[in-house]
PDB file of all heavy atoms in Angstrom:
ATOM      1  N   HIS A   1       0.824  -1.199  -0.010  1.00  0.00           N
ATOM      2  CA  HIS A   1      -0.011  -0.003   0.003  1.00  0.00           C
ATOM      3  C   HIS A   1       0.859   1.266   0.008  1.00  0.00           C
ATOM      4  O   HIS A   1       0.448   2.303  -0.527  1.00  0.00           O
ATOM      5  CB  HIS A   1      -0.944  -0.011   1.192  1.00  0.00           C
ATOM      6  CG  HIS A   1      -2.064  -1.012   1.045  1.00  0.00           C
ATOM      7  ND1 HIS A   1      -2.867  -1.373   2.103  1.00  0.00           N
ATOM      8  CD2 HIS A   1      -2.468  -1.729  -0.003  1.00  0.00           C
ATOM      9  CE1 HIS A   1      -3.744  -2.280   1.694  1.00  0.00           C
ATOM     10  NE2 HIS A   1      -3.519  -2.499   0.408  1.00  0.00           N
ATOM     11  N   PHE A   2       2.040   1.213   0.604  1.00  0.00           N
ATOM     12  CA  PHE A   2       2.924   2.353   0.543  1.00  0.00           C
ATOM     13  C   PHE A   2       3.351   2.630  -0.906  1.00  0.00           C
ATOM     14  O   PHE A   2       3.363   3.800  -1.337  1.00  0.00           O
ATOM     15  CB  PHE A   2       4.152   2.086   1.390  1.00  0.00           C
ATOM     16  CG  PHE A   2       5.208   3.160   1.308  1.00  0.00           C
ATOM     17  CD1 PHE A   2       5.058   4.343   1.992  1.00  0.00           C
ATOM     18  CD2 PHE A   2       6.365   2.963   0.508  1.00  0.00           C
ATOM     19  CE1 PHE A   2       6.037   5.357   1.878  1.00  0.00           C
ATOM     20  CE2 PHE A   2       7.313   3.938   0.397  1.00  0.00           C
ATOM     21  CZ  PHE A   2       7.181   5.151   1.101  1.00  0.00           C
ATOM     22  N   LEU A   3       3.658   1.593  -1.641  1.00  0.00           N
ATOM     23  CA  LEU A   3       4.066   1.746  -3.052  1.00  0.00           C
ATOM     24  C   LEU A   3       2.922   2.216  -3.949  1.00  0.00           C
ATOM     25  O   LEU A   3       3.169   2.884  -4.955  1.00  0.00           O
ATOM     26  CB  LEU A   3       4.659   0.441  -3.582  1.00  0.00           C
ATOM     27  CG  LEU A   3       5.951  -0.020  -2.923  1.00  0.00           C
ATOM     28  CD1 LEU A   3       6.334  -1.403  -3.407  1.00  0.00           C
ATOM     29  CD2 LEU A   3       7.071   0.975  -3.205  1.00  0.00           C
ATOM     30  N   GLU A   4       1.677   1.906  -3.565  1.00  0.00           N
ATOM     31  CA  GLU A   4       0.519   2.366  -4.321  1.00  0.00           C
ATOM     32  C   GLU A   4       0.423   3.873  -4.389  1.00  0.00           C
ATOM     33  O   GLU A   4      -0.171   4.446  -5.301  1.00  0.00           O
ATOM     34  CB  GLU A   4      -0.778   1.806  -3.722  1.00  0.00           C
ATOM     35  CG  GLU A   4      -1.061   0.341  -4.052  1.00  0.00           C
ATOM     36  CD  GLU A   4      -2.363  -0.137  -3.461  1.00  0.00           C
ATOM     37  OE1 GLU A   4      -2.648   0.163  -2.283  1.00  0.00           O
ATOM     38  OE2 GLU A   4      -3.131  -0.789  -4.186  1.00  0.00           O
ATOM     39  N   ARG A   5       1.003   4.554  -3.390  1.00  0.00           N
ATOM     40  CA  ARG A   5       0.966   6.005  -3.385  1.00  0.00           C
ATOM     41  C   ARG A   5       1.797   6.619  -4.520  1.00  0.00           C
ATOM     42  O   ARG A   5       1.520   7.754  -4.950  1.00  0.00           O
ATOM     43  CB  ARG A   5       1.523   6.539  -2.030  1.00  0.00           C
ATOM     44  CG  ARG A   5       0.775   6.054  -0.817  1.00  0.00           C
ATOM     45  CD  ARG A   5       1.478   6.595   0.429  1.00  0.00           C
ATOM     46  NE  ARG A   5       0.923   6.047   1.663  1.00  0.00           N
ATOM     47  CZ  ARG A   5       1.431   6.274   2.873  1.00  0.00           C
ATOM     48  NH1 ARG A   5       2.475   7.105   3.012  1.00  0.00           N
ATOM     49  NH2 ARG A   5       0.898   5.758   3.946  1.00  0.00           N
ATOM     50  N   PHE A   6       2.779   5.887  -5.001  1.00  0.00           N
ATOM     51  CA  PHE A   6       3.697   6.442  -5.965  1.00  0.00           C
ATOM     52  C   PHE A   6       3.597   5.765  -7.363  1.00  0.00           C
ATOM     53  O   PHE A   6       4.088   6.364  -8.349  1.00  0.00           O
ATOM     54  CB  PHE A   6       5.141   6.285  -5.445  1.00  0.00           C
ATOM     55  CG  PHE A   6       5.354   6.831  -4.075  1.00  0.00           C
ATOM     56  CD1 PHE A   6       5.350   5.994  -2.961  1.00  0.00           C
ATOM     57  CD2 PHE A   6       5.513   8.184  -3.864  1.00  0.00           C
ATOM     58  CE1 PHE A   6       5.556   6.479  -1.683  1.00  0.00           C
ATOM     59  CE2 PHE A   6       5.708   8.707  -2.585  1.00  0.00           C
ATOM     60  CZ  PHE A   6       5.722   7.847  -1.505  1.00  0.00           C
ATOM     61  N   PHE A   7       3.017   4.600  -7.420  1.00  0.00           N
ATOM     62  CA  PHE A   7       2.945   3.891  -8.694  1.00  0.00           C
ATOM     63  C   PHE A   7       1.523   3.398  -8.942  1.00  0.00           C
ATOM     64  O   PHE A   7       0.863   2.884  -8.047  1.00  0.00           O
ATOM     65  CB  PHE A   7       3.918   2.680  -8.719  1.00  0.00           C
ATOM     66  CG  PHE A   7       5.351   3.050  -8.427  1.00  0.00           C
ATOM     67  CD1 PHE A   7       5.859   2.972  -7.145  1.00  0.00           C
ATOM     68  CD2 PHE A   7       6.181   3.469  -9.463  1.00  0.00           C
ATOM     69  CE1 PHE A   7       7.185   3.301  -6.873  1.00  0.00           C
ATOM     70  CE2 PHE A   7       7.482   3.817  -9.229  1.00  0.00           C
ATOM     71  CZ  PHE A   7       8.004   3.741  -7.925  1.00  0.00           C
ATOM     72  N   SER A   8       1.051   3.505 -10.162  1.00  0.00           N
ATOM     73  CA  SER A   8      -0.278   3.043 -10.528  1.00  0.00           C
ATOM     74  C   SER A   8      -0.215   1.698 -11.262  1.00  0.00           C
ATOM     75  O   SER A   8      -1.238   1.028 -11.376  1.00  0.00           O
ATOM     76  CB  SER A   8      -0.971   4.074 -11.404  1.00  0.00           C
ATOM     77  OG  SER A   8      -0.230   4.319 -12.592  1.00  0.00           O
ATOM     78  N   ASN A   9       0.960   1.347 -11.743  1.00  0.00           N
ATOM     79  CA  ASN A   9       1.125   0.061 -12.469  1.00  0.00           C
ATOM     80  C   ASN A   9       1.472  -1.020 -11.439  1.00  0.00           C
ATOM     81  O   ASN A   9       2.542  -0.950 -10.809  1.00  0.00           O
ATOM     82  CB  ASN A   9       2.189   0.180 -13.550  1.00  0.00           C
ATOM     83  CG  ASN A   9       2.282  -1.047 -14.399  1.00  0.00           C
ATOM     84  OD1 ASN A   9       2.469  -2.155 -13.952  1.00  0.00           O
ATOM     85  ND2 ASN A   9       2.143  -0.868 -15.746  1.00  0.00           N
ATOM     86  N   TYR A  10       0.608  -2.023 -11.314  1.00  0.00           N
ATOM     87  CA  TYR A  10       0.830  -3.038 -10.278  1.00  0.00           C
ATOM     88  C   TYR A  10       1.951  -4.013 -10.643  1.00  0.00           C
ATOM     89  O   TYR A  10       2.491  -4.646  -9.760  1.00  0.00           O
ATOM     90  CB  TYR A  10      -0.481  -3.767  -9.974  1.00  0.00           C
ATOM     91  CG  TYR A  10      -1.388  -2.946  -9.123  1.00  0.00           C
ATOM     92  CD1 TYR A  10      -2.317  -2.047  -9.677  1.00  0.00           C
ATOM     93  CD2 TYR A  10      -1.340  -3.029  -7.725  1.00  0.00           C
ATOM     94  CE1 TYR A  10      -3.138  -1.264  -8.889  1.00  0.00           C
ATOM     95  CE2 TYR A  10      -2.149  -2.241  -6.919  1.00  0.00           C
ATOM     96  CZ  TYR A  10      -3.050  -1.371  -7.510  1.00  0.00           C
ATOM     97  OH  TYR A  10      -3.850  -0.596  -6.720  1.00  0.00           O
ATOM     98  N   GLY A  11       2.262  -4.140 -11.898  1.00  0.00           N
ATOM     99  CA  GLY A  11       3.433  -4.928 -12.255  1.00  0.00           C
ATOM    100  C   GLY A  11       4.697  -4.311 -11.759  1.00  0.00           C
ATOM    101  O   GLY A  11       5.600  -4.988 -11.246  1.00  0.00           O
ATOM    102  N   ILE A  12       4.787  -2.976 -11.855  1.00  0.00           N
ATOM    103  CA  ILE A  12       5.937  -2.257 -11.317  1.00  0.00           C
ATOM    104  C   ILE A  12       5.990  -2.373  -9.782  1.00  0.00           C
ATOM    105  O   ILE A  12       7.061  -2.508  -9.176  1.00  0.00           O
ATOM    106  CB  ILE A  12       5.901  -0.747 -11.725  1.00  0.00           C
ATOM    107  CG1 ILE A  12       5.910  -0.636 -13.271  1.00  0.00           C
ATOM    108  CG2 ILE A  12       7.085  -0.001 -11.143  1.00  0.00           C
ATOM    109  CD1 ILE A  12       7.139  -1.215 -13.965  1.00  0.00           C
ATOM    110  N   ILE A  13       4.802  -2.293  -9.172  1.00  0.00           N
ATOM    111  CA  ILE A  13       4.764  -2.396  -7.701  1.00  0.00           C
ATOM    112  C   ILE A  13       5.279  -3.768  -7.251  1.00  0.00           C
ATOM    113  O   ILE A  13       6.052  -3.877  -6.313  1.00  0.00           O
ATOM    114  CB  ILE A  13       3.299  -2.178  -7.205  1.00  0.00           C
ATOM    115  CG1 ILE A  13       2.913  -0.722  -7.386  1.00  0.00           C
ATOM    116  CG2 ILE A  13       3.150  -2.603  -5.741  1.00  0.00           C
ATOM    117  CD1 ILE A  13       1.471  -0.418  -7.018  1.00  0.00           C
ATOM    118  N   ILE A  14       4.864  -4.833  -7.952  1.00  0.00           N
ATOM    119  CA  ILE A  14       5.315  -6.183  -7.614  1.00  0.00           C
ATOM    120  C   ILE A  14       6.836  -6.264  -7.772  1.00  0.00           C
ATOM    121  O   ILE A  14       7.551  -6.863  -6.957  1.00  0.00           O
ATOM    122  CB  ILE A  14       4.608  -7.237  -8.505  1.00  0.00           C
ATOM    123  CG1 ILE A  14       3.126  -7.304  -8.126  1.00  0.00           C
ATOM    124  CG2 ILE A  14       5.268  -8.623  -8.312  1.00  0.00           C
ATOM    125  CD1 ILE A  14       2.320  -8.197  -9.048  1.00  0.00           C
ATOM    126  N   LEU A  15       7.342  -5.655  -8.828  1.00  0.00           N
ATOM    127  CA  LEU A  15       8.784  -5.657  -9.083  1.00  0.00           C
ATOM    128  C   LEU A  15       9.537  -4.993  -7.916  1.00  0.00           C
ATOM    129  O   LEU A  15      10.551  -5.508  -7.450  1.00  0.00           O
ATOM    130  CB  LEU A  15       9.072  -4.898 -10.396  1.00  0.00           C
ATOM    131  CG  LEU A  15      10.503  -4.881 -10.905  1.00  0.00           C
ATOM    132  CD1 LEU A  15      10.952  -6.277 -11.278  1.00  0.00           C
ATOM    133  CD2 LEU A  15      10.632  -3.948 -12.093  1.00  0.00           C
ATOM    134  N   ILE A  16       9.023  -3.864  -7.435  1.00  0.00           N
ATOM    135  CA  ILE A  16       9.664  -3.165  -6.326  1.00  0.00           C
ATOM    136  C   ILE A  16       9.507  -3.949  -5.020  1.00  0.00           C
ATOM    137  O   ILE A  16      10.442  -4.007  -4.214  1.00  0.00           O
ATOM    138  CB  ILE A  16       9.093  -1.737  -6.187  1.00  0.00           C
ATOM    139  CG1 ILE A  16       9.386  -0.946  -7.456  1.00  0.00           C
ATOM    140  CG2 ILE A  16       9.683  -1.028  -4.968  1.00  0.00           C
ATOM    141  CD1 ILE A  16       8.733   0.406  -7.482  1.00  0.00           C
ATOM    142  N   VAL A  17       8.361  -4.610  -4.859  1.00  0.00           N
ATOM    143  CA  VAL A  17       8.163  -5.459  -3.653  1.00  0.00           C
ATOM    144  C   VAL A  17       9.220  -6.547  -3.590  1.00  0.00           C
ATOM    145  O   VAL A  17       9.770  -6.842  -2.538  1.00  0.00           O
ATOM    146  CB  VAL A  17       6.736  -6.061  -3.657  1.00  0.00           C
ATOM    147  CG1 VAL A  17       6.650  -7.161  -2.582  1.00  0.00           C
ATOM    148  CG2 VAL A  17       5.715  -5.004  -3.388  1.00  0.00           C
ATOM    149  N   VAL A  18       9.546  -7.134  -4.768  1.00  0.00           N
ATOM    150  CA  VAL A  18      10.594  -8.156  -4.828  1.00  0.00           C
ATOM    151  C   VAL A  18      11.908  -7.567  -4.290  1.00  0.00           C
ATOM    152  O   VAL A  18      12.576  -8.203  -3.452  1.00  0.00           O
ATOM    153  CB  VAL A  18      10.809  -8.669  -6.273  1.00  0.00           C
ATOM    154  CG1 VAL A  18      12.018  -9.583  -6.345  1.00  0.00           C
ATOM    155  CG2 VAL A  18       9.569  -9.399  -6.742  1.00  0.00           C
ATOM    156  N   ILE A  19      12.271  -6.403  -4.773  1.00  0.00           N
ATOM    157  CA  ILE A  19      13.554  -5.792  -4.380  1.00  0.00           C
ATOM    158  C   ILE A  19      13.546  -5.499  -2.897  1.00  0.00           C
ATOM    159  O   ILE A  19      14.561  -5.770  -2.195  1.00  0.00           O
ATOM    160  CB  ILE A  19      13.799  -4.508  -5.180  1.00  0.00           C
ATOM    161  CG1 ILE A  19      13.925  -4.846  -6.694  1.00  0.00           C
ATOM    162  CG2 ILE A  19      15.045  -3.784  -4.691  1.00  0.00           C
ATOM    163  CD1 ILE A  19      13.965  -3.646  -7.591  1.00  0.00           C
ATOM    164  N   VAL A  20      12.419  -4.944  -2.378  1.00  0.00           N
ATOM    165  CA  VAL A  20      12.370  -4.646  -0.947  1.00  0.00           C
ATOM    166  C   VAL A  20      12.501  -5.919  -0.106  1.00  0.00           C
ATOM    167  O   VAL A  20      13.243  -5.932   0.897  1.00  0.00           O
ATOM    168  CB  VAL A  20      11.033  -3.925  -0.608  1.00  0.00           C
ATOM    169  CG1 VAL A  20      10.875  -3.737   0.877  1.00  0.00           C
ATOM    170  CG2 VAL A  20      10.998  -2.551  -1.307  1.00  0.00           C
ATOM    171  N   ILE A  21      11.774  -6.970  -0.489  1.00  0.00           N
ATOM    172  CA  ILE A  21      11.831  -8.205   0.266  1.00  0.00           C
ATOM    173  C   ILE A  21      13.209  -8.810   0.210  1.00  0.00           C
ATOM    174  O   ILE A  21      13.742  -9.317   1.214  1.00  0.00           O
ATOM    175  CB  ILE A  21      10.796  -9.234  -0.287  1.00  0.00           C
ATOM    176  CG1 ILE A  21       9.368  -8.695  -0.100  1.00  0.00           C
ATOM    177  CG2 ILE A  21      10.939 -10.582   0.385  1.00  0.00           C
ATOM    178  CD1 ILE A  21       8.951  -8.466   1.333  1.00  0.00           C
ATOM    179  N   ARG A  22      13.859  -8.777  -0.959  1.00  0.00           N
ATOM    180  CA  ARG A  22      15.214  -9.323  -1.057  1.00  0.00           C
ATOM    181  C   ARG A  22      16.193  -8.537  -0.206  1.00  0.00           C
ATOM    182  O   ARG A  22      17.118  -9.124   0.389  1.00  0.00           O
ATOM    183  CB  ARG A  22      15.699  -9.335  -2.527  1.00  0.00           C
ATOM    184  CG  ARG A  22      14.934 -10.206  -3.477  1.00  0.00           C
ATOM    185  CD  ARG A  22      14.646 -11.580  -2.973  1.00  0.00           C
ATOM    186  NE  ARG A  22      15.853 -12.289  -2.517  1.00  0.00           N
ATOM    187  CZ  ARG A  22      15.828 -13.492  -1.948  1.00  0.00           C
ATOM    188  NH1 ARG A  22      14.661 -14.088  -1.704  1.00  0.00           N
ATOM    189  NH2 ARG A  22      16.916 -14.092  -1.565  1.00  0.00           N
ATOM    190  N   LEU A  23      15.989  -7.230  -0.096  1.00  0.00           N
ATOM    191  CA  LEU A  23      16.846  -6.425   0.774  1.00  0.00           C
ATOM    192  C   LEU A  23      16.648  -6.765   2.258  1.00  0.00           C
ATOM    193  O   LEU A  23      17.577  -6.841   3.019  1.00  0.00           O
ATOM    194  CB  LEU A  23      16.605  -4.953   0.547  1.00  0.00           C
ATOM    195  CG  LEU A  23      17.089  -4.357  -0.798  1.00  0.00           C
ATOM    196  CD1 LEU A  23      16.636  -2.912  -0.939  1.00  0.00           C
ATOM    197  CD2 LEU A  23      18.632  -4.455  -0.884  1.00  0.00           C
ATOM    198  N   ILE A  24      15.371  -7.007   2.616  1.00  0.00           N
ATOM    199  CA  ILE A  24      15.074  -7.384   4.004  1.00  0.00           C
ATOM    200  C   ILE A  24      15.710  -8.711   4.357  1.00  0.00           C
ATOM    201  O   ILE A  24      16.222  -8.905   5.468  1.00  0.00           O
ATOM    202  CB  ILE A  24      13.544  -7.428   4.241  1.00  0.00           C
ATOM    203  CG1 ILE A  24      12.933  -6.017   4.131  1.00  0.00           C
ATOM    204  CG2 ILE A  24      13.214  -8.047   5.564  1.00  0.00           C
ATOM    205  CD1 ILE A  24      11.437  -5.977   4.158  1.00  0.00           C
ATOM    206  N   LEU A  25      15.667  -9.616   3.374  1.00  0.00           N
ATOM    207  CA  LEU A  25      16.199 -10.961   3.612  1.00  0.00           C
ATOM    208  C   LEU A  25      17.683 -11.075   3.343  1.00  0.00           C
ATOM    209  O   LEU A  25      18.300 -12.143   3.514  1.00  0.00           O
ATOM    210  CB  LEU A  25      15.454 -11.971   2.699  1.00  0.00           C
ATOM    211  CG  LEU A  25      13.961 -12.157   2.970  1.00  0.00           C
ATOM    212  CD1 LEU A  25      13.356 -13.078   1.942  1.00  0.00           C
ATOM    213  CD2 LEU A  25      13.716 -12.704   4.373  1.00  0.00           C
TER     214      LEU A  25
END
């Protein structure tokens, strides 16, 4: 939901979620 504030394309949001999760892990 944080990424939804800046991006409207959900494919791009999923891509960024991957990067964030990989950084956390």
